[in-house]
PDB file of N, CA and C in Angstrom:
ATOM      1  N   UNK A   1     -67.907 141.110 -39.561  1.00  0.00           N
ATOM      2  CA  UNK A   1     -68.618 140.434 -40.640  1.00  0.00           C
ATOM      3  C   UNK A   1     -70.096 140.338 -40.287  1.00  0.00           C
ATOM      4  N   UNK A   2     -70.938 140.556 -41.242  1.00  0.00           N
ATOM      5  CA  UNK A   2     -72.383 140.487 -41.056  1.00  0.00           C
ATOM      6  C   UNK A   2     -72.817 139.032 -41.088  1.00  0.00           C
ATOM      7  N   UNK A   3     -73.393 138.532 -39.967  1.00  0.00           N
ATOM      8  CA  UNK A   3     -73.772 137.130 -39.876  1.00  0.00           C
ATOM      9  C   UNK A   3     -75.178 136.852 -40.376  1.00  0.00           C
ATOM     10  N   UNK A   4     -76.042 137.848 -40.379  1.00  0.00           N
ATOM     11  CA  UNK A   4     -77.418 137.618 -40.788  1.00  0.00           C
ATOM     12  C   UNK A   4     -77.760 138.518 -41.968  1.00  0.00           C
ATOM     13  N   UNK A   5     -78.305 137.909 -42.976  1.00  0.00           N
ATOM     14  CA  UNK A   5     -78.683 138.633 -44.179  1.00  0.00           C
ATOM     15  C   UNK A   5     -79.775 137.848 -44.889  1.00  0.00           C
ATOM     16  N   UNK A   6     -80.443 138.501 -45.806  1.00  0.00           N
ATOM     17  CA  UNK A   6     -81.522 137.853 -46.550  1.00  0.00           C
ATOM     18  C   UNK A   6     -80.917 136.886 -47.561  1.00  0.00           C
ATOM     19  N   UNK A   7     -81.325 135.623 -47.463  1.00  0.00           N
ATOM     20  CA  UNK A   7     -80.853 134.599 -48.406  1.00  0.00           C
ATOM     21  C   UNK A   7     -81.677 134.641 -49.688  1.00  0.00           C
ATOM     22  N   UNK A   8     -83.005 134.596 -49.529  1.00  0.00           N
ATOM     23  CA  UNK A   8     -83.906 134.569 -50.682  1.00  0.00           C
ATOM     24  C   UNK A   8     -85.161 135.368 -50.360  1.00  0.00           C
ATOM     25  N   UNK A   9     -85.668 136.062 -51.351  1.00  0.00           N
ATOM     26  CA  UNK A   9     -86.919 136.801 -51.234  1.00  0.00           C
ATOM     27  C   UNK A   9     -87.689 136.577 -52.534  1.00  0.00           C
ATOM     28  N   UNK A  10     -88.712 135.751 -52.470  1.00  0.00           N
ATOM     29  CA  UNK A  10     -89.459 135.373 -53.672  1.00  0.00           C
ATOM     30  C   UNK A  10     -90.048 136.599 -54.365  1.00  0.00           C
ATOM     31  N   UNK A  11     -90.691 137.470 -53.610  1.00  0.00           N
ATOM     32  CA  UNK A  11     -91.341 138.635 -54.224  1.00  0.00           C
ATOM     33  C   UNK A  11     -90.336 139.582 -54.871  1.00  0.00           C
ATOM     34  N   UNK A  12     -89.185 139.745 -54.248  1.00  0.00           N
ATOM     35  CA  UNK A  12     -88.155 140.602 -54.827  1.00  0.00           C
ATOM     36  C   UNK A  12     -87.647 140.004 -56.144  1.00  0.00           C
ATOM     37  N   UNK A  13     -87.444 138.703 -56.168  1.00  0.00           N
ATOM     38  CA  UNK A  13     -87.030 138.042 -57.410  1.00  0.00           C
ATOM     39  C   UNK A  13     -88.080 138.205 -58.504  1.00  0.00           C
ATOM     40  N   UNK A  14     -89.336 138.002 -58.134  1.00  0.00           N
ATOM     41  CA  UNK A  14     -90.417 138.096 -59.122  1.00  0.00           C
ATOM     42  C   UNK A  14     -90.539 139.498 -59.705  1.00  0.00           C
ATOM     43  N   UNK A  15     -90.172 140.506 -58.925  1.00  0.00           N
ATOM     44  CA  UNK A  15     -90.209 141.876 -59.414  1.00  0.00           C
ATOM     45  C   UNK A  15     -89.314 142.096 -60.627  1.00  0.00           C
ATOM     46  N   UNK A  16     -88.283 141.273 -60.746  1.00  0.00           N
ATOM     47  CA  UNK A  16     -87.375 141.374 -61.890  1.00  0.00           C
ATOM     48  C   UNK A  16     -87.993 140.835 -63.175  1.00  0.00           C
ATOM     49  N   UNK A  17     -89.074 140.074 -63.036  1.00  0.00           N
ATOM     50  CA  UNK A  17     -89.694 139.426 -64.191  1.00  0.00           C
ATOM     51  C   UNK A  17     -91.090 139.974 -64.481  1.00  0.00           C
ATOM     52  N   UNK A  18     -91.340 141.213 -64.108  1.00  0.00           N
ATOM     53  CA  UNK A  18     -92.671 141.796 -64.259  1.00  0.00           C
ATOM     54  C   UNK A  18     -93.127 141.820 -65.722  1.00  0.00           C
ATOM     55  N   UNK A  19     -92.183 141.940 -66.646  1.00  0.00           N
ATOM     56  CA  UNK A  19     -92.526 141.973 -68.072  1.00  0.00           C
ATOM     57  C   UNK A  19     -92.378 140.613 -68.751  1.00  0.00           C
ATOM     58  N   UNK A  20     -92.114 139.578 -67.964  1.00  0.00           N
ATOM     59  CA  UNK A  20     -91.953 138.227 -68.514  1.00  0.00           C
ATOM     60  C   UNK A  20     -92.732 137.245 -67.639  1.00  0.00           C
ATOM     61  N   UNK A  21     -94.057 137.215 -67.777  1.00  0.00           N
ATOM     62  CA  UNK A  21     -94.879 136.398 -66.884  1.00  0.00           C
ATOM     63  C   UNK A  21     -94.573 134.901 -66.928  1.00  0.00           C
ATOM     64  N   UNK A  22     -94.165 134.374 -68.080  1.00  0.00           N
ATOM     65  CA  UNK A  22     -93.817 132.951 -68.146  1.00  0.00           C
ATOM     66  C   UNK A  22     -92.589 132.647 -67.300  1.00  0.00           C
ATOM     67  N   UNK A  23     -91.592 133.515 -67.398  1.00  0.00           N
ATOM     68  CA  UNK A  23     -90.384 133.335 -66.593  1.00  0.00           C
ATOM     69  C   UNK A  23     -90.695 133.536 -65.120  1.00  0.00           C
ATOM     70  N   UNK A  24     -91.550 134.489 -64.808  1.00  0.00           N
ATOM     71  CA  UNK A  24     -91.930 134.731 -63.416  1.00  0.00           C
ATOM     72  C   UNK A  24     -92.589 133.494 -62.825  1.00  0.00           C
ATOM     73  N   UNK A  25     -93.437 132.836 -63.589  1.00  0.00           N
ATOM     74  CA  UNK A  25     -94.101 131.624 -63.101  1.00  0.00           C
ATOM     75  C   UNK A  25     -93.085 130.527 -62.824  1.00  0.00           C
ATOM     76  N   UNK A  26     -92.085 130.399 -63.685  1.00  0.00           N
ATOM     77  CA  UNK A  26     -91.033 129.398 -63.494  1.00  0.00           C
ATOM     78  C   UNK A  26     -90.207 129.704 -62.244  1.00  0.00           C
ATOM     79  N   UNK A  27     -89.838 130.966 -62.070  1.00  0.00           N
ATOM     80  CA  UNK A  27     -89.062 131.382 -60.892  1.00  0.00           C
ATOM     81  C   UNK A  27     -89.880 131.154 -59.625  1.00  0.00           C
ATOM     82  N   UNK A  28     -91.156 131.510 -59.651  1.00  0.00           N
ATOM     83  CA  UNK A  28     -92.027 131.308 -58.489  1.00  0.00           C
ATOM     84  C   UNK A  28     -92.068 129.823 -58.119  1.00  0.00           C
ATOM     85  N   UNK A  29     -92.264 128.978 -59.111  1.00  0.00           N
ATOM     86  CA  UNK A  29     -92.373 127.546 -58.845  1.00  0.00           C
ATOM     87  C   UNK A  29     -91.079 126.984 -58.253  1.00  0.00           C
ATOM     88  N   UNK A  30     -89.932 127.356 -58.826  1.00  0.00           N
ATOM     89  CA  UNK A  30     -88.671 126.812 -58.319  1.00  0.00           C
ATOM     90  C   UNK A  30     -88.373 127.323 -56.914  1.00  0.00           C
ATOM     91  N   UNK A  31     -88.654 128.594 -56.638  1.00  0.00           N
ATOM     92  CA  UNK A  31     -88.371 129.136 -55.309  1.00  0.00           C
ATOM     93  C   UNK A  31     -89.319 128.561 -54.262  1.00  0.00           C
ATOM     94  N   UNK A  32     -90.588 128.426 -54.601  1.00  0.00           N
ATOM     95  CA  UNK A  32     -91.528 127.831 -53.654  1.00  0.00           C
ATOM     96  C   UNK A  32     -91.164 126.370 -53.401  1.00  0.00           C
ATOM     97  N   UNK A  33     -90.721 125.658 -54.422  1.00  0.00           N
ATOM     98  CA  UNK A  33     -90.289 124.269 -54.249  1.00  0.00           C
ATOM     99  C   UNK A  33     -89.064 124.195 -53.345  1.00  0.00           C
ATOM    100  N   UNK A  34     -88.142 125.138 -53.519  1.00  0.00           N
ATOM    101  CA  UNK A  34     -86.960 125.184 -52.658  1.00  0.00           C
ATOM    102  C   UNK A  34     -87.361 125.411 -51.207  1.00  0.00           C
ATOM    103  N   UNK A  35     -88.225 126.390 -50.956  1.00  0.00           N
ATOM    104  CA  UNK A  35     -88.657 126.681 -49.590  1.00  0.00           C
ATOM    105  C   UNK A  35     -89.319 125.457 -48.959  1.00  0.00           C
ATOM    106  N   UNK A  36     -90.185 124.785 -49.712  1.00  0.00           N
ATOM    107  CA  UNK A  36     -90.862 123.595 -49.179  1.00  0.00           C
ATOM    108  C   UNK A  36     -89.876 122.458 -48.945  1.00  0.00           C
ATOM    109  N   UNK A  37     -88.881 122.292 -49.819  1.00  0.00           N
ATOM    110  CA  UNK A  37     -87.840 121.281 -49.627  1.00  0.00           C
ATOM    111  C   UNK A  37     -87.094 121.543 -48.323  1.00  0.00           C
ATOM    112  N   UNK A  38     -86.696 122.786 -48.114  1.00  0.00           N
ATOM    113  CA  UNK A  38     -85.974 123.140 -46.889  1.00  0.00           C
ATOM    114  C   UNK A  38     -86.822 122.854 -45.656  1.00  0.00           C
ATOM    115  N   UNK A  39     -88.091 123.187 -45.714  1.00  0.00           N
ATOM    116  CA  UNK A  39     -88.983 122.951 -44.575  1.00  0.00           C
ATOM    117  C   UNK A  39     -89.194 121.454 -44.332  1.00  0.00           C
ATOM    118  N   UNK A  40     -89.493 120.697 -45.381  1.00  0.00           N
ATOM    119  CA  UNK A  40     -89.748 119.250 -45.253  1.00  0.00           C
ATOM    120  C   UNK A  40     -88.553 118.497 -44.690  1.00  0.00           C
ATOM    121  N   UNK A  41     -87.359 118.986 -44.981  1.00  0.00           N
ATOM    122  CA  UNK A  41     -86.148 118.300 -44.553  1.00  0.00           C
ATOM    123  C   UNK A  41     -85.535 118.903 -43.292  1.00  0.00           C
ATOM    124  N   UNK A  42     -86.326 119.683 -42.568  1.00  0.00           N
ATOM    125  CA  UNK A  42     -85.904 120.279 -41.286  1.00  0.00           C
ATOM    126  C   UNK A  42     -84.616 121.087 -41.419  1.00  0.00           C
ATOM    127  N   UNK A  43     -84.519 121.859 -42.476  1.00  0.00           N
ATOM    128  CA  UNK A  43     -83.356 122.700 -42.705  1.00  0.00           C
ATOM    129  C   UNK A  43     -83.619 124.154 -42.335  1.00  0.00           C
ATOM    130  N   UNK A  44     -84.812 124.403 -41.784  1.00  0.00           N
ATOM    131  CA  UNK A  44     -85.210 125.746 -41.367  1.00  0.00           C
ATOM    132  C   UNK A  44     -85.562 125.765 -39.889  1.00  0.00           C
ATOM    133  N   UNK A  45     -85.367 126.911 -39.271  1.00  0.00           N
ATOM    134  CA  UNK A  45     -85.763 127.108 -37.879  1.00  0.00           C
ATOM    135  C   UNK A  45     -87.162 127.711 -37.789  1.00  0.00           C
ATOM    136  N   UNK A  46     -87.796 127.928 -38.926  1.00  0.00           N
ATOM    137  CA  UNK A  46     -89.124 128.531 -38.973  1.00  0.00           C
ATOM    138  C   UNK A  46     -89.973 127.778 -39.985  1.00  0.00           C
ATOM    139  N   UNK A  47     -91.275 128.012 -39.943  1.00  0.00           N
ATOM    140  CA  UNK A  47     -92.178 127.421 -40.932  1.00  0.00           C
ATOM    141  C   UNK A  47     -92.347 128.404 -42.084  1.00  0.00           C
ATOM    142  N   UNK A  48     -92.424 127.850 -43.292  1.00  0.00           N
ATOM    143  CA  UNK A  48     -92.656 128.704 -44.454  1.00  0.00           C
ATOM    144  C   UNK A  48     -93.994 128.409 -45.117  1.00  0.00           C
ATOM    145  N   UNK A  49     -94.640 127.313 -44.709  1.00  0.00           N
ATOM    146  CA  UNK A  49     -95.915 126.955 -45.339  1.00  0.00           C
ATOM    147  C   UNK A  49     -97.046 126.997 -44.323  1.00  0.00           C
ATOM    148  N   UNK A  50     -98.258 127.130 -44.855  1.00  0.00           N
ATOM    149  CA  UNK A  50     -99.434 127.062 -43.995  1.00  0.00           C
ATOM    150  C   UNK A  50     -99.874 125.599 -43.900  1.00  0.00           C
ATOM    151  N   UNK A  51    -100.965 125.346 -43.263  1.00  0.00           N
ATOM    152  CA  UNK A  51    -101.451 123.983 -43.086  1.00  0.00           C
ATOM    153  C   UNK A  51    -101.802 123.271 -44.375  1.00  0.00           C
ATOM    154  N   UNK A  52    -102.023 124.020 -45.448  1.00  0.00           N
ATOM    155  CA  UNK A  52    -102.395 123.435 -46.744  1.00  0.00           C
ATOM    156  C   UNK A  52    -101.196 123.176 -47.646  1.00  0.00           C
ATOM    157  N   UNK A  53    -100.007 123.503 -47.184  1.00  0.00           N
ATOM    158  CA  UNK A  53     -98.817 123.312 -48.004  1.00  0.00           C
ATOM    159  C   UNK A  53     -98.513 124.470 -48.932  1.00  0.00           C
ATOM    160  N   UNK A  54     -99.208 125.585 -48.756  1.00  0.00           N
ATOM    161  CA  UNK A  54     -98.943 126.789 -49.552  1.00  0.00           C
ATOM    162  C   UNK A  54     -97.881 127.634 -48.860  1.00  0.00           C
ATOM    163  N   UNK A  55     -97.099 128.343 -49.647  1.00  0.00           N
ATOM    164  CA  UNK A  55     -96.056 129.194 -49.083  1.00  0.00           C
ATOM    165  C   UNK A  55     -96.696 130.391 -48.386  1.00  0.00           C
ATOM    166  N   UNK A  56     -96.412 130.526 -47.107  1.00  0.00           N
ATOM    167  CA  UNK A  56     -96.944 131.641 -46.325  1.00  0.00           C
ATOM    168  C   UNK A  56     -95.847 132.673 -46.051  1.00  0.00           C
ATOM    169  N   UNK A  57     -94.619 132.215 -46.001  1.00  0.00           N
ATOM    170  CA  UNK A  57     -93.481 133.094 -45.745  1.00  0.00           C
ATOM    171  C   UNK A  57     -92.641 133.138 -47.014  1.00  0.00           C
ATOM    172  N   UNK A  58     -92.377 134.324 -47.529  1.00  0.00           N
ATOM    173  CA  UNK A  58     -91.792 134.433 -48.865  1.00  0.00           C
ATOM    174  C   UNK A  58     -90.357 134.943 -48.876  1.00  0.00           C
ATOM    175  N   UNK A  59     -89.753 135.089 -47.709  1.00  0.00           N
ATOM    176  CA  UNK A  59     -88.332 135.438 -47.656  1.00  0.00           C
ATOM    177  C   UNK A  59     -87.694 134.715 -46.475  1.00  0.00           C
ATOM    178  N   UNK A  60     -86.403 134.455 -46.617  1.00  0.00           N
ATOM    179  CA  UNK A  60     -85.668 133.748 -45.568  1.00  0.00           C
ATOM    180  C   UNK A  60     -84.349 134.453 -45.291  1.00  0.00           C
ATOM    181  N   UNK A  61     -84.032 134.556 -44.017  1.00  0.00           N
ATOM    182  CA  UNK A  61     -82.759 135.103 -43.569  1.00  0.00           C
ATOM    183  C   UNK A  61     -81.797 133.947 -43.302  1.00  0.00           C
ATOM    184  N   UNK A  62     -80.510 134.232 -43.348  1.00  0.00           N
ATOM    185  CA  UNK A  62     -79.506 133.203 -43.080  1.00  0.00           C
ATOM    186  C   UNK A  62     -79.709 132.594 -41.698  1.00  0.00           C
ATOM    187  N   UNK A  63     -80.047 133.404 -40.722  1.00  0.00           N
ATOM    188  CA  UNK A  63     -80.228 132.923 -39.345  1.00  0.00           C
ATOM    189  C   UNK A  63     -81.400 131.961 -39.212  1.00  0.00           C
ATOM    190  N   UNK A  64     -82.258 131.887 -40.222  1.00  0.00           N
ATOM    191  CA  UNK A  64     -83.411 130.991 -40.171  1.00  0.00           C
ATOM    192  C   UNK A  64     -83.098 129.606 -40.729  1.00  0.00           C
ATOM    193  N   UNK A  65     -81.865 129.418 -41.216  1.00  0.00           N
ATOM    194  CA  UNK A  65     -81.423 128.107 -41.681  1.00  0.00           C
ATOM    195  C   UNK A  65     -80.752 127.361 -40.536  1.00  0.00           C
ATOM    196  N   UNK A  66     -80.953 126.053 -40.484  1.00  0.00           N
ATOM    197  CA  UNK A  66     -80.233 125.234 -39.516  1.00  0.00           C
ATOM    198  C   UNK A  66     -78.778 125.113 -39.977  1.00  0.00           C
ATOM    199  N   UNK A  67     -77.958 124.448 -39.188  1.00  0.00           N
ATOM    200  CA  UNK A  67     -76.559 124.245 -39.572  1.00  0.00           C
ATOM    201  C   UNK A  67     -76.468 123.474 -40.894  1.00  0.00           C
ATOM    202  N   UNK A  68     -77.275 122.423 -41.016  1.00  0.00           N
ATOM    203  CA  UNK A  68     -77.282 121.653 -42.265  1.00  0.00           C
ATOM    204  C   UNK A  68     -77.785 122.504 -43.429  1.00  0.00           C
ATOM    205  N   UNK A  69     -78.794 123.322 -43.176  1.00  0.00           N
ATOM    206  CA  UNK A  69     -79.317 124.203 -44.213  1.00  0.00           C
ATOM    207  C   UNK A  69     -78.271 125.191 -44.687  1.00  0.00           C
ATOM    208  N   UNK A  70     -77.483 125.706 -43.755  1.00  0.00           N
ATOM    209  CA  UNK A  70     -76.414 126.636 -44.103  1.00  0.00           C
ATOM    210  C   UNK A  70     -75.349 125.941 -44.937  1.00  0.00           C
ATOM    211  N   UNK A  71     -75.004 124.702 -44.576  1.00  0.00           N
ATOM    212  CA  UNK A  71     -74.014 123.952 -45.364  1.00  0.00           C
ATOM    213  C   UNK A  71     -74.502 123.733 -46.790  1.00  0.00           C
ATOM    214  N   UNK A  72     -75.773 123.467 -46.941  1.00  0.00           N
ATOM    215  CA  UNK A  72     -76.346 123.212 -48.262  1.00  0.00           C
ATOM    216  C   UNK A  72     -76.399 124.486 -49.110  1.00  0.00           C
ATOM    217  N   UNK A  73     -76.618 125.626 -48.466  1.00  0.00           N
ATOM    218  CA  UNK A  73     -76.912 126.864 -49.195  1.00  0.00           C
ATOM    219  C   UNK A  73     -75.791 127.893 -49.202  1.00  0.00           C
ATOM    220  N   UNK A  74     -74.607 127.539 -48.714  1.00  0.00           N
ATOM    221  CA  UNK A  74     -73.527 128.516 -48.715  1.00  0.00           C
ATOM    222  C   UNK A  74     -72.192 127.805 -48.878  1.00  0.00           C
ATOM    223  N   UNK A  75     -71.143 128.573 -48.871  1.00  0.00           N
ATOM    224  CA  UNK A  75     -69.818 127.995 -49.013  1.00  0.00           C
ATOM    225  C   UNK A  75     -69.406 127.846 -50.468  1.00  0.00           C
ATOM    226  N   UNK A  76     -68.218 127.289 -50.677  1.00  0.00           N
ATOM    227  CA  UNK A  76     -67.687 127.195 -52.041  1.00  0.00           C
ATOM    228  C   UNK A  76     -68.517 126.312 -52.970  1.00  0.00           C
ATOM    229  N   UNK A  77     -69.176 125.303 -52.432  1.00  0.00           N
ATOM    230  CA  UNK A  77     -69.982 124.418 -53.277  1.00  0.00           C
ATOM    231  C   UNK A  77     -71.382 124.976 -53.508  1.00  0.00           C
ATOM    232  N   UNK A  78     -71.950 125.647 -52.561  1.00  0.00           N
ATOM    233  CA  UNK A  78     -73.301 126.226 -52.606  1.00  0.00           C
ATOM    234  C   UNK A  78     -74.227 125.458 -53.544  1.00  0.00           C
ATOM    235  N   UNK A  79     -74.662 124.322 -53.069  1.00  0.00           N
ATOM    236  CA  UNK A  79     -75.459 123.420 -53.886  1.00  0.00           C
ATOM    237  C   UNK A  79     -76.838 123.972 -54.228  1.00  0.00           C
ATOM    238  N   UNK A  80     -77.384 124.811 -53.372  1.00  0.00           N
ATOM    239  CA  UNK A  80     -78.671 125.433 -53.701  1.00  0.00           C
ATOM    240  C   UNK A  80     -78.499 126.342 -54.920  1.00  0.00           C
ATOM    241  N   UNK A  81     -77.432 127.115 -54.937  1.00  0.00           N
ATOM    242  CA  UNK A  81     -77.176 128.002 -56.077  1.00  0.00           C
ATOM    243  C   UNK A  81     -76.999 127.188 -57.362  1.00  0.00           C
ATOM    244  N   UNK A  82     -76.255 126.079 -57.266  1.00  0.00           N
ATOM    245  CA  UNK A  82     -76.078 125.209 -58.442  1.00  0.00           C
ATOM    246  C   UNK A  82     -77.415 124.649 -58.903  1.00  0.00           C
ATOM    247  N   UNK A  83     -78.255 124.228 -57.949  1.00  0.00           N
ATOM    248  CA  UNK A  83     -79.559 123.679 -58.307  1.00  0.00           C
ATOM    249  C   UNK A  83     -80.429 124.746 -58.975  1.00  0.00           C
ATOM    250  N   UNK A  84     -80.433 125.954 -58.428  1.00  0.00           N
ATOM    251  CA  UNK A  84     -81.255 127.029 -58.998  1.00  0.00           C
ATOM    252  C   UNK A  84     -80.886 127.323 -60.449  1.00  0.00           C
ATOM    253  N   UNK A  85     -79.620 127.126 -60.803  1.00  0.00           N
ATOM    254  CA  UNK A  85     -79.178 127.373 -62.169  1.00  0.00           C
ATOM    255  C   UNK A  85     -79.269 126.162 -63.081  1.00  0.00           C
ATOM    256  N   UNK A  86     -79.715 125.046 -62.546  1.00  0.00           N
ATOM    257  CA  UNK A  86     -79.744 123.802 -63.321  1.00  0.00           C
ATOM    258  C   UNK A  86     -81.060 123.622 -64.069  1.00  0.00           C
ATOM    259  N   UNK A  87     -81.041 122.720 -65.041  1.00  0.00           N
ATOM    260  CA  UNK A  87     -82.264 122.377 -65.767  1.00  0.00           C
ATOM    261  C   UNK A  87     -83.248 121.660 -64.850  1.00  0.00           C
ATOM    262  N   UNK A  88     -82.729 120.960 -63.847  1.00  0.00           N
ATOM    263  CA  UNK A  88     -83.599 120.224 -62.917  1.00  0.00           C
ATOM    264  C   UNK A  88     -84.567 121.165 -62.205  1.00  0.00           C
ATOM    265  N   UNK A  89     -84.112 122.364 -61.876  1.00  0.00           N
ATOM    266  CA  UNK A  89     -84.977 123.312 -61.162  1.00  0.00           C
ATOM    267  C   UNK A  89     -86.050 123.899 -62.071  1.00  0.00           C
ATOM    268  N   UNK A  90     -85.865 123.771 -63.382  1.00  0.00           N
ATOM    269  CA  UNK A  90     -86.811 124.352 -64.333  1.00  0.00           C
ATOM    270  C   UNK A  90     -87.904 123.380 -64.758  1.00  0.00           C
ATOM    271  N   UNK A  91     -87.789 122.128 -64.322  1.00  0.00           N
ATOM    272  CA  UNK A  91     -88.810 121.144 -64.675  1.00  0.00           C
ATOM    273  C   UNK A  91     -90.101 121.437 -63.924  1.00  0.00           C
ATOM    274  N   UNK A  92     -91.184 120.842 -64.390  1.00  0.00           N
ATOM    275  CA  UNK A  92     -92.478 121.028 -63.742  1.00  0.00           C
ATOM    276  C   UNK A  92     -93.029 119.668 -63.338  1.00  0.00           C
ATOM    277  N   UNK A  93     -93.011 119.313 -62.062  1.00  0.00           N
ATOM    278  CA  UNK A  93     -92.437 120.032 -60.917  1.00  0.00           C
ATOM    279  C   UNK A  93     -90.911 119.938 -60.918  1.00  0.00           C
ATOM    280  N   UNK A  94     -90.245 120.846 -60.210  1.00  0.00           N
ATOM    281  CA  UNK A  94     -88.788 120.829 -60.165  1.00  0.00           C
ATOM    282  C   UNK A  94     -88.245 119.503 -59.635  1.00  0.00           C
ATOM    283  N   UNK A  95     -87.147 119.062 -60.231  1.00  0.00           N
ATOM    284  CA  UNK A  95     -86.465 117.830 -59.835  1.00  0.00           C
ATOM    285  C   UNK A  95     -85.521 118.159 -58.676  1.00  0.00           C
ATOM    286  N   UNK A  96     -85.779 117.574 -57.523  1.00  0.00           N
ATOM    287  CA  UNK A  96     -85.019 117.899 -56.320  1.00  0.00           C
ATOM    288  C   UNK A  96     -83.873 116.916 -56.058  1.00  0.00           C
ATOM    289  N   UNK A  97     -83.577 116.013 -56.984  1.00  0.00           N
ATOM    290  CA  UNK A  97     -82.590 114.955 -56.742  1.00  0.00           C
ATOM    291  C   UNK A  97     -81.210 115.498 -56.385  1.00  0.00           C
ATOM    292  N   UNK A  98     -80.767 116.564 -57.037  1.00  0.00           N
ATOM    293  CA  UNK A  98     -79.464 117.146 -56.731  1.00  0.00           C
ATOM    294  C   UNK A  98     -79.409 117.590 -55.274  1.00  0.00           C
ATOM    295  N   UNK A  99     -80.452 118.261 -54.810  1.00  0.00           N
ATOM    296  CA  UNK A  99     -80.491 118.714 -53.416  1.00  0.00           C
ATOM    297  C   UNK A  99     -80.626 117.537 -52.458  1.00  0.00           C
ATOM    298  N   UNK A 100     -81.433 116.548 -52.819  1.00  0.00           N
ATOM    299  CA  UNK A 100     -81.597 115.369 -51.966  1.00  0.00           C
ATOM    300  C   UNK A 100     -80.276 114.632 -51.798  1.00  0.00           C
ATOM    301  N   UNK A 101     -79.528 114.463 -52.884  1.00  0.00           N
ATOM    302  CA  UNK A 101     -78.235 113.779 -52.829  1.00  0.00           C
ATOM    303  C   UNK A 101     -77.242 114.574 -51.980  1.00  0.00           C
ATOM    304  N   UNK A 102     -77.195 115.878 -52.196  1.00  0.00           N
ATOM    305  CA  UNK A 102     -76.281 116.726 -51.431  1.00  0.00           C
ATOM    306  C   UNK A 102     -76.615 116.691 -49.943  1.00  0.00           C
ATOM    307  N   UNK A 103     -77.894 116.711 -49.622  1.00  0.00           N
ATOM    308  CA  UNK A 103     -78.303 116.653 -48.219  1.00  0.00           C
ATOM    309  C   UNK A 103     -77.920 115.315 -47.601  1.00  0.00           C
ATOM    310  N   UNK A 104     -78.094 114.231 -48.337  1.00  0.00           N
ATOM    311  CA  UNK A 104     -77.705 112.908 -47.837  1.00  0.00           C
ATOM    312  C   UNK A 104     -76.205 112.869 -47.544  1.00  0.00           C
ATOM    313  N   UNK A 105     -75.398 113.486 -48.404  1.00  0.00           N
ATOM    314  CA  UNK A 105     -73.950 113.532 -48.181  1.00  0.00           C
ATOM    315  C   UNK A 105     -73.607 114.370 -46.954  1.00  0.00           C
ATOM    316  N   UNK A 106     -74.292 115.486 -46.776  1.00  0.00           N
ATOM    317  CA  UNK A 106     -74.062 116.320 -45.587  1.00  0.00           C
ATOM    318  C   UNK A 106     -74.397 115.524 -44.337  1.00  0.00           C
ATOM    319  N   UNK A 107     -75.521 114.840 -44.353  1.00  0.00           N
ATOM    320  CA  UNK A 107     -75.947 114.074 -43.178  1.00  0.00           C
ATOM    321  C   UNK A 107     -75.074 112.851 -42.929  1.00  0.00           C
ATOM    322  N   UNK A 108     -74.430 112.342 -43.978  1.00  0.00           N
ATOM    323  CA  UNK A 108     -73.517 111.206 -43.823  1.00  0.00           C
ATOM    324  C   UNK A 108     -72.130 111.668 -43.378  1.00  0.00           C
ATOM    325  N   UNK A 109     -71.925 112.983 -43.346  1.00  0.00           N
ATOM    326  CA  UNK A 109     -70.662 113.539 -42.878  1.00  0.00           C
ATOM    327  C   UNK A 109     -69.580 113.611 -43.933  1.00  0.00           C
ATOM    328  N   UNK A 110     -69.950 113.574 -45.189  1.00  0.00           N
ATOM    329  CA  UNK A 110     -68.954 113.646 -46.274  1.00  0.00           C
ATOM    330  C   UNK A 110     -68.555 115.070 -46.547  1.00  0.00           C
TER     331      UNK A 110
END
């Protein structure tokens, strides 16, 4: 079984929306918000932002997620996938409450 693979690649996703700039902007915002959420909550083994809070790293491998990050982003519940498809992720700025609640449950051992 392959243990390491690309989880998300912002630029690759944006390439799918080359003819829909409004949708591309929405996808960019939600993915950058996700990356910053993962970084702020110590769910990554690497930094994705520069000193100004801008996204400097635009793709993530599975091996770059911590154990908690992997629990949040994979498995049968895959809460990151659910959040990405939710209306909360489409708000400006994206509503991170679903991910925050899920992370709290993971950290509480539920």
